[in-house]
Amino acid sequence: MTAPGPISRPIVAGIVTALVGVTSSFAVVLTGLRAVGATPAQAASGLLALCILMGVAAIVLATRYRMPITVAWSTPGAALLASTGAIEGGWRAAVGAFLIVAALILLTAVWPQLGRLIARIPPSIAQAMLAGVLLPLCLAPVGGLVANPWGVAPVIVTWLVFARLAPRWAVPLAFVAASIVVTVHLVTTGASVDPSLLLPRLEFTAPTFTVGALVGVALPLFLVTMASQNVPGVAIMRSYGYEVPWRPAMLVTGLGSALGASAGGHVINLAAISAALSAAPEAEPDPARRWIAAASSGVSGIVLGGLSAVLVALVVLAPEGVIPAVAGLALLAAFGSAVQQAIDDPGERMPAVVTFLVAASGVAILGVSAAFWALVAGLVVRTVLHLGRRG
């Protein structure tokens, strides 16, 4: 019988999981929260709440079920918020939408029919909506390069070099390059920041509930989170030999999302792409000990939450185009995957294209975001084109 390896290996794998997850997508989260009305302090609070709650959720699930179940914030969901922009009722209405999403996730846990209803939405249309939501953000590096070439070029070059040499670290190191650009900018302009603003703190907001936020934010955010995070997360874990307990996972992440909503956190969910960092053999050869990596990622995420106010300060003080470029680069892989899945089936291609174009347009009708109308348009076109067909 082979002796177990050092426990430091899965612990380090968990630290890497948290570092890659947070540094590669925090800019998207902050962009999304600010877009729907959060002040810098409220966005910092949301980031802190998300880090704490996804860390606690990962620790609970990993230790209870002895599986490398990692929990993340919804990066596609944050991108959806960024594309939605200001909503009727402002930040308080957005917080209300976050609470509704949490309630829907909890409902999915206790009422399986809701999950089956979501599964009936054609994957091509769901992915086309996501691709349309991501497109404007993915264009940010291009616009930033034109508006501020000296600030954005180092970020893009760093990303490109490490996308070739160490793909896992390409976006985190692009963020490091952006941090250096911001530091140089502060030194050359003489700008400063109040040290008290760099301390992490939670700022709670009383929610309000509006029809526009329900239809235009909560429902698309719920669908994107389920289709792009929870369902793929379960599939990825299954590919490594783990059967995620669906109901407990939804209960834990739904409860965590509910607790974090009033502090500004949009939603937590099962990790998808980053799940492999803790569940793969590279994290720990013994499958029975990989849960340690997930628990370690949870602890590390909580620690990284202490930097939430610092990260917001970087975003606020950054020169034009730098942080949006990082966010756009972080979403390129998700955008490419969504486009591929949207147009993969020739029979579903036209409805998917319509869905994509409506979502990418950013139009809001009756106070409801483009993401919702994209789903409606795609389903209507699909119904008409498939009318009378069999199968």
Protein backbone atom coordinates (compact mmCIF):
# COMPACT_ATOMS: atom_id res chain seq x y z
CA MET A 1 0.00 0.00 0.00
CA THR A 2 1.41 3.36 -1.04
CA ALA A 3 2.00 5.79 1.79
CA PRO A 4 -0.01 9.01 1.55
CA GLY A 5 1.89 12.02 0.23
CA PRO A 6 2.47 15.21 2.15
CA ILE A 7 -0.69 17.04 3.15
CA SER A 8 0.94 20.24 1.91
CA ARG A 9 0.22 19.25 -1.71
CA PRO A 10 -3.61 19.53 -1.59
CA ILE A 11 -3.33 22.55 0.71
CA VAL A 12 -1.17 24.36 -1.84
CA ALA A 13 -3.53 23.28 -4.62
CA GLY A 14 -6.39 24.89 -2.70
CA ILE A 15 -4.46 28.12 -2.25
CA VAL A 16 -3.75 28.19 -5.99
CA THR A 17 -7.45 27.55 -6.71
CA ALA A 18 -8.49 30.54 -4.62
CA LEU A 19 -5.78 32.83 -5.99
CA VAL A 20 -6.58 32.02 -9.60
CA GLY A 21 -10.34 32.25 -9.04
CA VAL A 22 -10.29 35.59 -7.23
CA THR A 23 -7.59 37.43 -9.17
CA SER A 24 -8.85 36.32 -12.56
CA SER A 25 -12.43 37.53 -12.16
CA PHE A 26 -12.79 40.05 -9.31
CA ALA A 27 -12.70 42.89 -11.85
CA VAL A 28 -15.77 41.41 -13.56
CA VAL A 29 -17.60 41.24 -10.23
CA LEU A 30 -16.78 44.84 -9.33
CA THR A 31 -17.75 46.01 -12.81
CA GLY A 32 -21.10 44.27 -12.50
CA LEU A 33 -21.89 45.58 -9.02
CA ARG A 34 -20.93 49.15 -9.95
CA ALA A 35 -23.03 48.93 -13.13
CA VAL A 36 -26.25 48.21 -11.21
CA GLY A 37 -25.71 51.10 -8.82
CA ALA A 38 -23.26 50.10 -6.09
CA THR A 39 -20.95 52.75 -4.68
CA PRO A 40 -17.27 51.79 -4.31
CA ALA A 41 -17.90 51.00 -0.63
CA GLN A 42 -20.94 48.86 -1.46
CA ALA A 43 -19.01 47.03 -4.21
CA ALA A 44 -16.16 46.35 -1.76
CA SER A 45 -18.70 45.04 0.72
CA GLY A 46 -20.18 42.75 -1.92
CA LEU A 47 -16.75 41.39 -2.83
CA LEU A 48 -15.94 40.76 0.83
CA ALA A 49 -19.28 39.02 1.46
CA LEU A 50 -18.81 36.80 -1.59
CA CYS A 51 -15.28 35.79 -0.55
CA ILE A 52 -16.37 34.92 2.98
CA LEU A 53 -19.51 33.03 2.02
CA MET A 54 -18.05 31.04 -0.85
CA GLY A 55 -15.14 30.15 1.43
CA VAL A 56 -17.43 28.98 4.22
CA ALA A 57 -19.63 27.07 1.75
CA ALA A 58 -16.62 25.26 0.26
CA ILE A 59 -15.35 24.32 3.72
CA VAL A 60 -18.78 23.01 4.78
CA LEU A 61 -19.41 20.96 1.62
CA ALA A 62 -15.87 19.62 1.31
CA THR A 63 -15.53 18.52 4.94
CA ARG A 64 -19.08 17.15 5.20
CA TYR A 65 -19.00 15.07 2.02
CA ARG A 66 -15.24 14.49 1.72
CA MET A 67 -15.29 15.69 -1.88
CA PRO A 68 -13.32 18.50 -3.54
CA ILE A 69 -16.45 20.65 -3.91
CA THR A 70 -15.35 24.23 -4.51
CA VAL A 71 -17.65 27.23 -4.49
CA ALA A 72 -17.25 30.43 -6.50
CA TRP A 73 -19.09 33.62 -7.29
CA SER A 74 -20.99 33.71 -10.56
CA THR A 75 -18.62 35.39 -13.01
CA PRO A 76 -21.11 35.10 -15.91
CA GLY A 77 -23.72 36.51 -13.55
CA ALA A 78 -21.51 39.49 -12.80
CA ALA A 79 -21.02 39.99 -16.54
CA LEU A 80 -24.80 39.97 -16.90
CA LEU A 81 -25.06 42.75 -14.30
CA ALA A 82 -22.42 44.75 -16.17
CA SER A 83 -24.38 44.47 -19.41
CA THR A 84 -27.67 45.31 -17.66
CA GLY A 85 -26.50 48.62 -16.22
CA ALA A 86 -28.65 50.93 -14.12
CA ILE A 87 -32.08 49.57 -13.23
CA GLU A 88 -35.28 51.16 -11.94
CA GLY A 89 -35.01 51.36 -8.17
CA GLY A 90 -31.23 51.57 -8.21
CA TRP A 91 -28.94 49.59 -5.94
CA ARG A 92 -31.69 48.65 -3.49
CA ALA A 93 -33.66 47.03 -6.30
CA ALA A 94 -30.53 45.14 -7.37
CA VAL A 95 -30.15 43.82 -3.81
CA GLY A 96 -33.77 42.73 -3.94
CA ALA A 97 -33.02 40.85 -7.18
CA PHE A 98 -30.06 39.11 -5.50
CA LEU A 99 -32.39 37.90 -2.73
CA ILE A 100 -34.85 36.55 -5.31
CA VAL A 101 -32.04 34.63 -7.01
CA ALA A 102 -31.08 33.10 -3.66
CA ALA A 103 -34.70 32.10 -3.09
CA LEU A 104 -34.88 30.48 -6.53
CA ILE A 105 -31.71 28.47 -5.85
CA LEU A 106 -33.18 27.28 -2.55
CA LEU A 107 -36.41 26.42 -4.37
CA THR A 108 -34.40 24.37 -6.87
CA ALA A 109 -33.07 22.33 -3.95
CA VAL A 110 -36.47 21.51 -2.49
CA TRP A 111 -38.51 21.39 -5.72
CA PRO A 112 -36.72 19.31 -8.40
CA GLN A 113 -39.33 20.22 -11.02
CA LEU A 114 -37.83 23.72 -11.22
CA GLY A 115 -34.48 22.25 -12.18
CA ARG A 116 -36.14 20.14 -14.84
CA LEU A 117 -37.96 23.20 -16.17
CA ILE A 118 -34.66 25.06 -16.52
CA ALA A 119 -33.19 22.04 -18.30
CA ARG A 120 -35.90 22.37 -20.96
CA ILE A 121 -34.42 25.68 -22.14
CA PRO A 122 -32.35 24.71 -25.19
CA PRO A 123 -28.64 24.92 -24.29
CA SER A 124 -27.94 26.73 -27.57
CA ILE A 125 -30.25 29.59 -26.58
CA ALA A 126 -28.95 29.78 -23.01
CA GLN A 127 -25.37 29.89 -24.23
CA ALA A 128 -26.20 32.41 -26.97
CA MET A 129 -27.70 34.71 -24.35
CA LEU A 130 -24.53 34.36 -22.27
CA ALA A 131 -22.33 35.07 -25.30
CA GLY A 132 -24.32 38.20 -26.12
CA VAL A 133 -23.99 39.39 -22.53
CA LEU A 134 -20.24 38.79 -22.57
CA LEU A 135 -19.50 40.42 -25.94
CA PRO A 136 -19.43 44.09 -24.82
CA LEU A 137 -17.10 43.24 -21.94
CA CYS A 138 -14.82 41.19 -24.18
CA LEU A 139 -14.48 44.20 -26.49
CA ALA A 140 -13.10 46.33 -23.64
CA PRO A 141 -9.44 45.43 -24.27
CA VAL A 142 -9.78 46.65 -27.86
CA GLY A 143 -11.40 49.94 -26.89
CA GLY A 144 -8.97 50.40 -24.03
CA LEU A 145 -5.98 49.86 -26.29
CA VAL A 146 -7.19 52.66 -28.55
CA ALA A 147 -8.06 55.05 -25.70
CA ASN A 148 -5.03 54.38 -23.50
CA PRO A 149 -2.39 52.33 -25.36
CA TRP A 150 0.42 52.89 -22.85
CA GLY A 151 -1.74 51.69 -19.97
CA VAL A 152 -3.54 48.79 -21.62
CA ALA A 153 -0.80 47.37 -23.88
CA PRO A 154 1.31 45.99 -20.97
CA VAL A 155 -1.78 44.18 -19.65
CA ILE A 156 -2.59 42.59 -23.03
CA VAL A 157 1.03 41.65 -23.75
CA THR A 158 1.40 40.03 -20.33
CA TRP A 159 -1.80 38.07 -20.84
CA LEU A 160 -0.72 36.91 -24.31
CA VAL A 161 2.73 35.78 -23.21
CA PHE A 162 1.43 33.74 -20.30
CA ALA A 163 -1.55 32.43 -22.26
CA ARG A 164 1.18 30.68 -24.24
CA LEU A 165 3.52 29.75 -21.35
CA ALA A 166 1.18 29.21 -18.36
CA PRO A 167 -2.49 29.56 -19.36
CA ARG A 168 -3.80 29.11 -15.82
CA TRP A 169 -1.90 32.20 -14.69
CA ALA A 170 -2.47 34.39 -17.75
CA VAL A 171 -5.31 36.49 -16.30
CA PRO A 172 -3.91 36.73 -12.73
CA LEU A 173 -0.59 37.96 -14.12
CA ALA A 174 -2.43 40.38 -16.40
CA PHE A 175 -3.94 41.76 -13.20
CA VAL A 176 -0.45 42.05 -11.71
CA ALA A 177 0.58 44.03 -14.80
CA ALA A 178 -2.50 46.23 -14.35
CA SER A 179 -1.55 46.81 -10.70
CA ILE A 180 1.90 47.97 -11.78
CA VAL A 181 0.32 50.33 -14.33
CA VAL A 182 -1.95 51.76 -11.62
CA THR A 183 0.99 52.19 -9.23
CA VAL A 184 3.03 54.04 -11.85
CA HIS A 185 -0.01 56.20 -12.59
CA LEU A 186 -0.41 57.10 -8.92
CA VAL A 187 3.29 57.95 -8.54
CA THR A 188 3.40 60.11 -11.66
CA THR A 189 0.16 61.97 -10.91
CA GLY A 190 0.68 62.30 -7.18
CA ALA A 191 -2.74 60.84 -6.43
CA SER A 192 -3.35 59.25 -3.04
CA VAL A 193 -5.99 57.29 -1.20
CA ASP A 194 -7.20 57.54 2.39
CA PRO A 195 -5.73 54.50 4.25
CA SER A 196 -8.97 54.06 6.18
CA LEU A 197 -10.72 53.26 2.90
CA LEU A 198 -8.47 50.21 2.45
CA LEU A 199 -9.91 48.40 5.47
CA PRO A 200 -12.45 45.68 4.61
CA ARG A 201 -15.97 46.31 5.87
CA LEU A 202 -19.49 45.14 5.23
CA GLU A 203 -22.13 47.67 4.25
CA PHE A 204 -25.72 46.45 4.35
CA THR A 205 -28.54 47.70 2.14
CA ALA A 206 -32.27 47.25 2.69
CA PRO A 207 -33.73 45.65 -0.46
CA THR A 208 -36.66 46.77 -2.53
CA PHE A 209 -38.50 44.58 -5.00
CA THR A 210 -39.52 45.80 -8.44
CA VAL A 211 -40.96 44.02 -11.44
CA GLY A 212 -38.15 45.35 -13.65
CA ALA A 213 -35.46 43.97 -11.34
CA LEU A 214 -37.28 40.64 -11.04
CA VAL A 215 -37.69 40.11 -14.78
CA GLY A 216 -34.60 41.96 -16.03
CA VAL A 217 -32.07 40.95 -13.39
CA ALA A 218 -33.18 38.14 -11.08
CA LEU A 219 -34.50 35.67 -13.67
CA PRO A 220 -31.60 36.06 -16.17
CA LEU A 221 -29.08 35.97 -13.29
CA PHE A 222 -30.62 32.78 -11.96
CA LEU A 223 -30.67 31.13 -15.41
CA VAL A 224 -27.09 32.14 -16.20
CA THR A 225 -25.88 30.90 -12.82
CA MET A 226 -27.61 27.55 -13.19
CA ALA A 227 -26.70 26.99 -16.84
CA SER A 228 -23.12 28.30 -16.73
CA GLN A 229 -22.02 27.39 -13.21
CA ASN A 230 -24.05 24.84 -11.26
CA VAL A 231 -24.91 22.35 -14.01
CA PRO A 232 -21.41 22.39 -15.62
CA GLY A 233 -19.87 22.27 -12.13
CA VAL A 234 -21.67 19.00 -11.40
CA ALA A 235 -20.61 17.60 -14.80
CA ILE A 236 -16.97 18.50 -14.26
CA MET A 237 -16.95 16.89 -10.82
CA ARG A 238 -18.56 13.77 -12.30
CA SER A 239 -15.76 13.56 -14.87
CA TYR A 240 -13.31 13.19 -11.98
CA GLY A 241 -15.39 10.49 -10.31
CA TYR A 242 -17.36 12.58 -7.81
CA GLU A 243 -21.16 12.73 -7.61
CA VAL A 244 -22.01 16.10 -6.08
CA PRO A 245 -24.98 15.91 -3.68
CA TRP A 246 -27.29 18.26 -5.57
CA ARG A 247 -29.80 19.17 -2.89
CA PRO A 248 -27.26 19.95 -0.12
CA ALA A 249 -25.10 21.91 -2.59
CA MET A 250 -28.05 24.05 -3.66
CA LEU A 251 -29.17 24.52 -0.05
CA VAL A 252 -25.72 25.67 1.06
CA THR A 253 -25.08 27.99 -1.91
CA GLY A 254 -28.66 29.30 -1.83
CA LEU A 255 -28.46 30.07 1.87
CA GLY A 256 -25.04 31.67 1.39
CA SER A 257 -26.39 33.81 -1.46
CA ALA A 258 -29.29 34.91 0.75
CA LEU A 259 -26.96 35.87 3.59
CA GLY A 260 -24.70 37.85 1.27
CA ALA A 261 -27.34 39.67 -0.77
CA SER A 262 -27.95 42.60 1.60
CA ALA A 263 -24.17 43.07 1.88
CA GLY A 264 -23.93 43.38 -1.91
CA GLY A 265 -23.02 39.85 -2.98
CA HIS A 266 -24.90 38.85 -6.13
CA VAL A 267 -24.75 35.03 -5.89
CA ILE A 268 -22.46 32.12 -5.01
CA ASN A 269 -22.57 28.76 -6.79
CA LEU A 270 -20.65 25.60 -7.53
CA ALA A 271 -17.36 26.29 -9.27
CA ALA A 272 -17.23 25.19 -12.89
CA ILE A 273 -13.91 25.69 -14.70
CA SER A 274 -11.93 26.27 -11.52
CA ALA A 275 -13.42 23.09 -10.00
CA ALA A 276 -10.76 21.08 -11.83
CA LEU A 277 -7.98 22.83 -9.92
CA SER A 278 -8.99 20.99 -6.75
CA ALA A 279 -10.62 17.86 -8.21
CA ALA A 280 -7.91 16.81 -10.69
CA PRO A 281 -5.09 14.35 -9.88
CA GLU A 282 -2.60 17.23 -10.07
CA ALA A 283 -4.09 18.58 -6.84
CA GLU A 284 -3.65 15.27 -4.99
CA PRO A 285 -3.05 11.76 -6.40
CA ASP A 286 -5.36 10.16 -3.82
CA PRO A 287 -9.00 10.98 -4.74
CA ALA A 288 -10.07 10.45 -1.13
CA ARG A 289 -7.87 13.34 0.03
CA ARG A 290 -8.69 15.94 -2.62
CA TRP A 291 -11.39 17.39 -0.37
CA ILE A 292 -8.50 18.97 1.54
CA ALA A 293 -7.75 21.11 -1.53
CA ALA A 294 -11.34 22.36 -1.67
CA ALA A 295 -11.34 23.15 2.06
CA SER A 296 -8.01 24.93 1.65
CA SER A 297 -9.44 27.00 -1.22
CA GLY A 298 -12.29 28.01 1.09
CA VAL A 299 -9.95 29.19 3.83
CA SER A 300 -7.81 31.02 1.26
CA GLY A 301 -10.86 32.72 -0.23
CA ILE A 302 -11.85 34.07 3.17
CA VAL A 303 -8.33 35.44 3.67
CA LEU A 304 -8.37 37.05 0.22
CA GLY A 305 -11.62 38.75 1.15
CA GLY A 306 -9.54 40.97 3.42
CA LEU A 307 -8.17 42.61 0.27
CA SER A 308 -11.61 43.56 -1.05
CA ALA A 309 -11.31 47.28 -0.26
CA VAL A 310 -7.78 47.39 -1.71
CA LEU A 311 -8.99 45.83 -4.95
CA VAL A 312 -11.81 48.37 -5.21
CA ALA A 313 -9.34 51.19 -4.64
CA LEU A 314 -7.22 49.85 -7.52
CA VAL A 315 -10.26 49.88 -9.77
CA VAL A 316 -11.28 53.40 -8.77
CA LEU A 317 -7.77 54.86 -9.14
CA ALA A 318 -6.83 53.00 -12.34
CA PRO A 319 -6.29 55.02 -15.54
CA GLU A 320 -8.82 54.70 -18.33
CA GLY A 321 -9.37 51.26 -19.82
CA VAL A 322 -6.93 49.28 -17.66
CA ILE A 323 -9.29 47.37 -15.36
CA PRO A 324 -11.98 46.82 -18.03
CA ALA A 325 -9.22 45.27 -20.15
CA VAL A 326 -8.45 42.78 -17.38
CA ALA A 327 -12.15 41.96 -17.05
CA GLY A 328 -12.48 41.46 -20.79
CA LEU A 329 -9.47 39.17 -20.99
CA ALA A 330 -10.84 37.13 -18.07
CA LEU A 331 -14.04 36.46 -20.03
CA LEU A 332 -12.56 35.50 -23.41
CA ALA A 333 -12.53 31.75 -22.67
CA ALA A 334 -16.11 31.81 -21.40
CA PHE A 335 -17.19 33.81 -24.45
CA GLY A 336 -15.52 31.38 -26.86
CA SER A 337 -17.10 28.39 -25.15
CA ALA A 338 -20.55 30.00 -25.16
CA VAL A 339 -20.33 30.86 -28.87
CA GLN A 340 -19.21 27.34 -29.75
CA GLN A 341 -22.07 25.74 -27.84
CA ALA A 342 -24.59 28.22 -29.21
CA ILE A 343 -23.94 27.48 -32.89
CA ASP A 344 -22.77 23.87 -32.65
CA ASP A 345 -26.12 22.43 -33.80
CA PRO A 346 -27.03 23.69 -37.30
CA GLY A 347 -30.73 23.16 -36.58
CA GLU A 348 -30.57 25.52 -33.60
CA ARG A 349 -28.24 28.08 -35.14
CA MET A 350 -30.77 30.70 -36.29
CA PRO A 351 -32.59 31.00 -32.93
CA ALA A 352 -29.19 31.16 -31.23
CA VAL A 353 -28.01 33.94 -33.53
CA VAL A 354 -31.16 35.98 -32.83
CA THR A 355 -30.71 35.42 -29.09
CA PHE A 356 -27.07 36.49 -29.29
CA LEU A 357 -27.81 39.67 -31.24
CA VAL A 358 -30.62 40.81 -28.94
CA ALA A 359 -28.51 40.17 -25.84
CA ALA A 360 -25.48 41.93 -27.34
CA SER A 361 -27.60 44.94 -28.36
CA GLY A 362 -28.06 45.97 -24.74
CA VAL A 363 -31.54 47.33 -25.43
CA ALA A 364 -33.86 47.66 -22.45
CA ILE A 365 -37.59 47.67 -23.09
CA LEU A 366 -40.11 48.62 -20.38
CA GLY A 367 -37.24 48.74 -17.92
CA VAL A 368 -36.35 45.09 -18.56
CA SER A 369 -32.82 44.19 -19.61
CA ALA A 370 -31.77 42.82 -22.99
CA ALA A 371 -30.90 39.41 -21.52
CA PHE A 372 -34.56 38.67 -20.82
CA TRP A 373 -35.72 39.86 -24.24
CA ALA A 374 -32.96 37.79 -25.84
CA LEU A 375 -34.38 34.64 -24.27
CA VAL A 376 -37.89 35.60 -25.38
CA ALA A 377 -36.79 36.36 -28.94
CA GLY A 378 -34.76 33.17 -29.23
CA LEU A 379 -37.56 30.97 -27.94
CA VAL A 380 -40.12 32.64 -30.23
CA VAL A 381 -37.91 32.20 -33.32
CA ARG A 382 -37.17 28.61 -32.35
CA THR A 383 -40.87 27.84 -31.85
CA VAL A 384 -41.80 29.29 -35.24
CA LEU A 385 -38.99 27.54 -37.10
CA HIS A 386 -39.71 24.19 -35.44
CA LEU A 387 -43.50 24.47 -35.78
CA GLY A 388 -44.89 21.27 -37.29
CA ARG A 389 -41.58 19.43 -37.19
CA ARG A 390 -41.19 16.10 -35.50
CA GLY A 391 -38.40 15.33 -33.04
